[in-house]
Amino acid sequence: MKVKVLWKEKMFFSGEASGFAVPMDARSPIGSSSAPTPKELVALGLAGCTAMDVAALMKKHRQPVESMEVAVNVQTSEGRTPSVFQDIEVVFQAKGAVDKDKLVEAVHLSQTQYCGVSEMLANFCPVHYRVELNGEQVGKGEARFKKEAFK
């Protein structure tokens, strides 16, 4: 993997990954708040990585997911520089006539075996997850990967 950023002005940068432009900026007053911050992009990467795992697993199990949203809530450190992630909650919200056990298992597999972004972050701070199906909580847990897998 290779990515790069190009400084445009003030604290606005244009990132490039696989030929796609990804804008980023700092929050005001340092930046203009015109694009996601680098830390927000890390959280977005976590949401995308685990959502793709779950979508693929649900498709494999022929589960009719009508919609899925993955939200990532991050608590960052305060009073220190640099500010770092201290606790992460990943909330999976799915709708459809799906087997709740298959959904919970898909999320569990993502958060214990498949999502590399979650594994990297879980080695630094706790990553908790919650699973909701049709507005009802059906599962929860913590990302736990085998330690020997991370080197």
C-alpha atoms as a PDB file:
ATOM      1  CA  MET A   1       0.000   0.000   0.000  1.00  0.00           C
ATOM      2  CA  LYS A   2       1.186   3.474  -0.795  1.00  0.00           C
ATOM      3  CA  VAL A   3      -0.609   6.729  -0.079  1.00  0.00           C
ATOM      4  CA  LYS A   4       0.466  10.355  -0.166  1.00  0.00           C
ATOM      5  CA  VAL A   5      -0.760  13.800   0.794  1.00  0.00           C
ATOM      6  CA  LEU A   6      -0.253  17.087  -0.983  1.00  0.00           C
ATOM      7  CA  TRP A   7      -0.422  20.352   0.948  1.00  0.00           C
ATOM      8  CA  LYS A   8      -2.855  22.784  -0.682  1.00  0.00           C
ATOM      9  CA  GLU A   9      -3.194  25.711   1.751  1.00  0.00           C
ATOM     10  CA  LYS A  10      -3.300  26.447   5.477  1.00  0.00           C
ATOM     11  CA  MET A  11      -4.048  23.018   6.996  1.00  0.00           C
ATOM     12  CA  PHE A  12      -5.896  21.630   3.965  1.00  0.00           C
ATOM     13  CA  PHE A  13      -4.320  18.594   2.317  1.00  0.00           C
ATOM     14  CA  SER A  14      -5.386  16.374  -0.550  1.00  0.00           C
ATOM     15  CA  GLY A  15      -4.618  12.741   0.077  1.00  0.00           C
ATOM     16  CA  GLU A  16      -4.264  10.208  -2.688  1.00  0.00           C
ATOM     17  CA  ALA A  17      -4.919   6.497  -2.325  1.00  0.00           C
ATOM     18  CA  SER A  18      -5.359   4.102  -5.246  1.00  0.00           C
ATOM     19  CA  GLY A  19      -5.830   7.108  -7.517  1.00  0.00           C
ATOM     20  CA  PHE A  20      -8.671   8.577  -5.439  1.00  0.00           C
ATOM     21  CA  ALA A  21      -8.511  12.036  -3.875  1.00  0.00           C
ATOM     22  CA  VAL A  22      -9.259  12.255  -0.156  1.00  0.00           C
ATOM     23  CA  PRO A  23      -9.484  15.763   1.328  1.00  0.00           C
ATOM     24  CA  MET A  24      -8.452  16.443   4.917  1.00  0.00           C
ATOM     25  CA  ASP A  25      -8.298  19.535   7.065  1.00  0.00           C
ATOM     26  CA  ALA A  26      -7.831  20.556  10.675  1.00  0.00           C
ATOM     27  CA  ARG A  27     -10.640  21.992  12.771  1.00  0.00           C
ATOM     28  CA  SER A  28     -10.746  25.751  13.152  1.00  0.00           C
ATOM     29  CA  PRO A  29      -9.087  27.886  14.321  1.00  0.00           C
ATOM     30  CA  ILE A  30      -6.009  25.954  13.113  1.00  0.00           C
ATOM     31  CA  GLY A  31      -7.685  24.854   9.888  1.00  0.00           C
ATOM     32  CA  SER A  32     -10.902  25.680   8.075  1.00  0.00           C
ATOM     33  CA  SER A  33     -12.980  22.635   9.130  1.00  0.00           C
ATOM     34  CA  SER A  34     -13.617  22.009   5.421  1.00  0.00           C
ATOM     35  CA  ALA A  35     -12.926  18.258   5.384  1.00  0.00           C
ATOM     36  CA  PRO A  36     -12.483  15.307   7.745  1.00  0.00           C
ATOM     37  CA  THR A  37      -9.494  15.348  10.076  1.00  0.00           C
ATOM     38  CA  PRO A  38      -6.872  12.592   9.867  1.00  0.00           C
ATOM     39  CA  LYS A  39      -8.234  10.997  13.073  1.00  0.00           C
ATOM     40  CA  GLU A  40     -11.762  11.046  11.641  1.00  0.00           C
ATOM     41  CA  LEU A  41     -10.417   9.254   8.570  1.00  0.00           C
ATOM     42  CA  VAL A  42      -8.906   6.555  10.814  1.00  0.00           C
ATOM     43  CA  ALA A  43     -12.315   6.085  12.476  1.00  0.00           C
ATOM     44  CA  LEU A  44     -13.953   6.063   9.043  1.00  0.00           C
ATOM     45  CA  GLY A  45     -11.483   3.399   7.924  1.00  0.00           C
ATOM     46  CA  LEU A  46     -12.497   1.247  10.892  1.00  0.00           C
ATOM     47  CA  ALA A  47     -16.191   1.660  10.056  1.00  0.00           C
ATOM     48  CA  GLY A  48     -15.599   0.801   6.404  1.00  0.00           C
ATOM     49  CA  CYS A  49     -13.363  -2.185   7.101  1.00  0.00           C
ATOM     50  CA  THR A  50     -15.718  -3.889   9.531  1.00  0.00           C
ATOM     51  CA  ALA A  51     -18.843  -2.982   7.519  1.00  0.00           C
ATOM     52  CA  MET A  52     -17.348  -4.664   4.445  1.00  0.00           C
ATOM     53  CA  ASP A  53     -16.592  -7.803   6.478  1.00  0.00           C
ATOM     54  CA  VAL A  54     -20.120  -7.982   7.854  1.00  0.00           C
ATOM     55  CA  ALA A  55     -21.738  -7.280   4.467  1.00  0.00           C
ATOM     56  CA  ALA A  56     -19.674 -10.044   2.830  1.00  0.00           C
ATOM     57  CA  LEU A  57     -20.466 -12.549   5.590  1.00  0.00           C
ATOM     58  CA  MET A  58     -24.185 -11.761   5.521  1.00  0.00           C
ATOM     59  CA  LYS A  59     -24.213 -12.184   1.736  1.00  0.00           C
ATOM     60  CA  LYS A  60     -22.371 -15.502   2.086  1.00  0.00           C
ATOM     61  CA  HIS A  61     -25.052 -16.693   4.520  1.00  0.00           C
ATOM     62  CA  ARG A  62     -27.813 -15.434   2.197  1.00  0.00           C
ATOM     63  CA  GLN A  63     -29.228 -13.051   4.766  1.00  0.00           C
ATOM     64  CA  PRO A  64     -31.544 -10.363   3.300  1.00  0.00           C
ATOM     65  CA  VAL A  65     -30.051  -7.242   4.881  1.00  0.00           C
ATOM     66  CA  GLU A  66     -32.149  -4.258   3.760  1.00  0.00           C
ATOM     67  CA  SER A  67     -29.849  -1.620   5.216  1.00  0.00           C
ATOM     68  CA  MET A  68     -26.801  -1.380   7.431  1.00  0.00           C
ATOM     69  CA  GLU A  69     -25.112   1.532   9.144  1.00  0.00           C
ATOM     70  CA  VAL A  70     -21.911   1.348  11.151  1.00  0.00           C
ATOM     71  CA  ALA A  71     -21.163   4.243  13.480  1.00  0.00           C
ATOM     72  CA  VAL A  72     -17.864   4.666  15.306  1.00  0.00           C
ATOM     73  CA  ASN A  73     -17.759   6.715  18.493  1.00  0.00           C
ATOM     74  CA  VAL A  74     -14.268   7.619  19.679  1.00  0.00           C
ATOM     75  CA  GLN A  75     -13.196   9.045  23.002  1.00  0.00           C
ATOM     76  CA  THR A  76      -9.865  10.835  22.713  1.00  0.00           C
ATOM     77  CA  SER A  77      -7.399  11.786  25.400  1.00  0.00           C
ATOM     78  CA  GLU A  78      -7.679  15.251  26.853  1.00  0.00           C
ATOM     79  CA  GLY A  79      -4.959  17.475  28.217  1.00  0.00           C
ATOM     80  CA  ARG A  80      -2.104  15.807  26.378  1.00  0.00           C
ATOM     81  CA  THR A  81      -0.338  16.216  23.086  1.00  0.00           C
ATOM     82  CA  PRO A  82      -0.748  14.362  20.906  1.00  0.00           C
ATOM     83  CA  SER A  83      -4.400  13.558  21.498  1.00  0.00           C
ATOM     84  CA  VAL A  84      -4.924   9.825  20.943  1.00  0.00           C
ATOM     85  CA  PHE A  85      -7.822   7.381  20.856  1.00  0.00           C
ATOM     86  CA  GLN A  86      -8.637   6.085  24.353  1.00  0.00           C
ATOM     87  CA  ASP A  87     -11.834   4.098  23.777  1.00  0.00           C
ATOM     88  CA  ILE A  88     -13.763   3.117  20.664  1.00  0.00           C
ATOM     89  CA  GLU A  89     -17.358   1.949  20.340  1.00  0.00           C
ATOM     90  CA  VAL A  90     -18.522   0.482  17.032  1.00  0.00           C
ATOM     91  CA  VAL A  91     -22.306   0.371  16.614  1.00  0.00           C
ATOM     92  CA  PHE A  92     -23.743  -1.904  13.913  1.00  0.00           C
ATOM     93  CA  GLN A  93     -27.350  -1.111  12.960  1.00  0.00           C
ATOM     94  CA  ALA A  94     -28.986  -3.477  10.487  1.00  0.00           C
ATOM     95  CA  LYS A  95     -32.528  -3.791   9.195  1.00  0.00           C
ATOM     96  CA  GLY A  96     -34.196  -6.689   7.482  1.00  0.00           C
ATOM     97  CA  ALA A  97     -35.595 -10.173   8.010  1.00  0.00           C
ATOM     98  CA  VAL A  98     -32.221 -11.614   8.989  1.00  0.00           C
ATOM     99  CA  ASP A  99     -31.266 -14.247  11.545  1.00  0.00           C
ATOM    100  CA  LYS A 100     -29.988 -12.249  14.529  1.00  0.00           C
ATOM    101  CA  ASP A 101     -27.502 -14.994  15.456  1.00  0.00           C
ATOM    102  CA  LYS A 102     -25.935 -14.839  11.989  1.00  0.00           C
ATOM    103  CA  LEU A 103     -25.640 -11.048  12.253  1.00  0.00           C
ATOM    104  CA  VAL A 104     -24.046 -11.212  15.707  1.00  0.00           C
ATOM    105  CA  GLU A 105     -21.674 -13.950  14.518  1.00  0.00           C
ATOM    106  CA  ALA A 106     -20.693 -11.905  11.442  1.00  0.00           C
ATOM    107  CA  VAL A 107     -19.850  -8.908  13.631  1.00  0.00           C
ATOM    108  CA  HIS A 108     -17.989 -11.137  16.095  1.00  0.00           C
ATOM    109  CA  LEU A 109     -15.899 -12.663  13.292  1.00  0.00           C
ATOM    110  CA  SER A 110     -15.082  -9.218  11.931  1.00  0.00           C
ATOM    111  CA  GLN A 111     -14.022  -8.010  15.373  1.00  0.00           C
ATOM    112  CA  THR A 112     -11.964 -11.086  16.277  1.00  0.00           C
ATOM    113  CA  GLN A 113     -10.530 -12.377  12.978  1.00  0.00           C
ATOM    114  CA  TYR A 114     -11.050 -10.284   9.852  1.00  0.00           C
ATOM    115  CA  CYS A 115     -10.924  -6.512  10.342  1.00  0.00           C
ATOM    116  CA  GLY A 116      -7.276  -5.469  10.215  1.00  0.00           C
ATOM    117  CA  VAL A 117      -8.081  -1.869  11.126  1.00  0.00           C
ATOM    118  CA  SER A 118      -9.874  -3.030  14.256  1.00  0.00           C
ATOM    119  CA  GLU A 119      -6.956  -5.294  15.152  1.00  0.00           C
ATOM    120  CA  MET A 120      -4.447  -2.459  14.827  1.00  0.00           C
ATOM    121  CA  LEU A 121      -6.553  -0.103  16.939  1.00  0.00           C
ATOM    122  CA  ALA A 122      -7.418  -2.781  19.532  1.00  0.00           C
ATOM    123  CA  ASN A 123      -3.709  -3.207  20.203  1.00  0.00           C
ATOM    124  CA  PHE A 124      -3.661   0.408  21.379  1.00  0.00           C
ATOM    125  CA  CYS A 125      -7.046   1.014  23.032  1.00  0.00           C
ATOM    126  CA  PRO A 126     -10.249  -0.911  23.791  1.00  0.00           C
ATOM    127  CA  VAL A 127     -12.626  -1.423  20.864  1.00  0.00           C
ATOM    128  CA  HIS A 128     -16.144  -2.347  22.001  1.00  0.00           C
ATOM    129  CA  TYR A 129     -19.007  -3.187  19.686  1.00  0.00           C
ATOM    130  CA  ARG A 130     -22.781  -3.244  19.875  1.00  0.00           C
ATOM    131  CA  VAL A 131     -25.132  -4.935  17.394  1.00  0.00           C
ATOM    132  CA  GLU A 132     -28.668  -3.718  16.720  1.00  0.00           C
ATOM    133  CA  LEU A 133     -31.217  -5.403  14.466  1.00  0.00           C
ATOM    134  CA  ASN A 134     -34.406  -3.566  13.530  1.00  0.00           C
ATOM    135  CA  GLY A 135     -33.849  -1.098  16.365  1.00  0.00           C
ATOM    136  CA  GLU A 136     -33.257  -3.713  19.090  1.00  0.00           C
ATOM    137  CA  GLN A 137     -29.885  -4.517  20.653  1.00  0.00           C
ATOM    138  CA  VAL A 138     -29.068  -8.166  19.929  1.00  0.00           C
ATOM    139  CA  GLY A 139     -25.386  -8.401  20.806  1.00  0.00           C
ATOM    140  CA  LYS A 140     -22.280  -6.734  22.140  1.00  0.00           C
ATOM    141  CA  GLY A 141     -18.632  -7.520  22.726  1.00  0.00           C
ATOM    142  CA  GLU A 142     -15.041  -6.393  22.485  1.00  0.00           C
ATOM    143  CA  ALA A 143     -12.563  -6.734  19.640  1.00  0.00           C
ATOM    144  CA  ARG A 144     -10.098  -9.432  20.643  1.00  0.00           C
ATOM    145  CA  PHE A 145      -7.530 -10.767  18.228  1.00  0.00           C
ATOM    146  CA  LYS A 146      -4.922 -13.454  18.819  1.00  0.00           C
ATOM    147  CA  LYS A 147      -1.759 -11.701  19.982  1.00  0.00           C
ATOM    148  CA  GLU A 148       0.558 -13.794  17.817  1.00  0.00           C
ATOM    149  CA  ALA A 149      -1.289 -12.597  14.716  1.00  0.00           C
ATOM    150  CA  PHE A 150      -0.084  -9.018  15.298  1.00  0.00           C
ATOM    151  CA  LYS A 151       3.640  -8.545  14.707  1.00  0.00           C
END
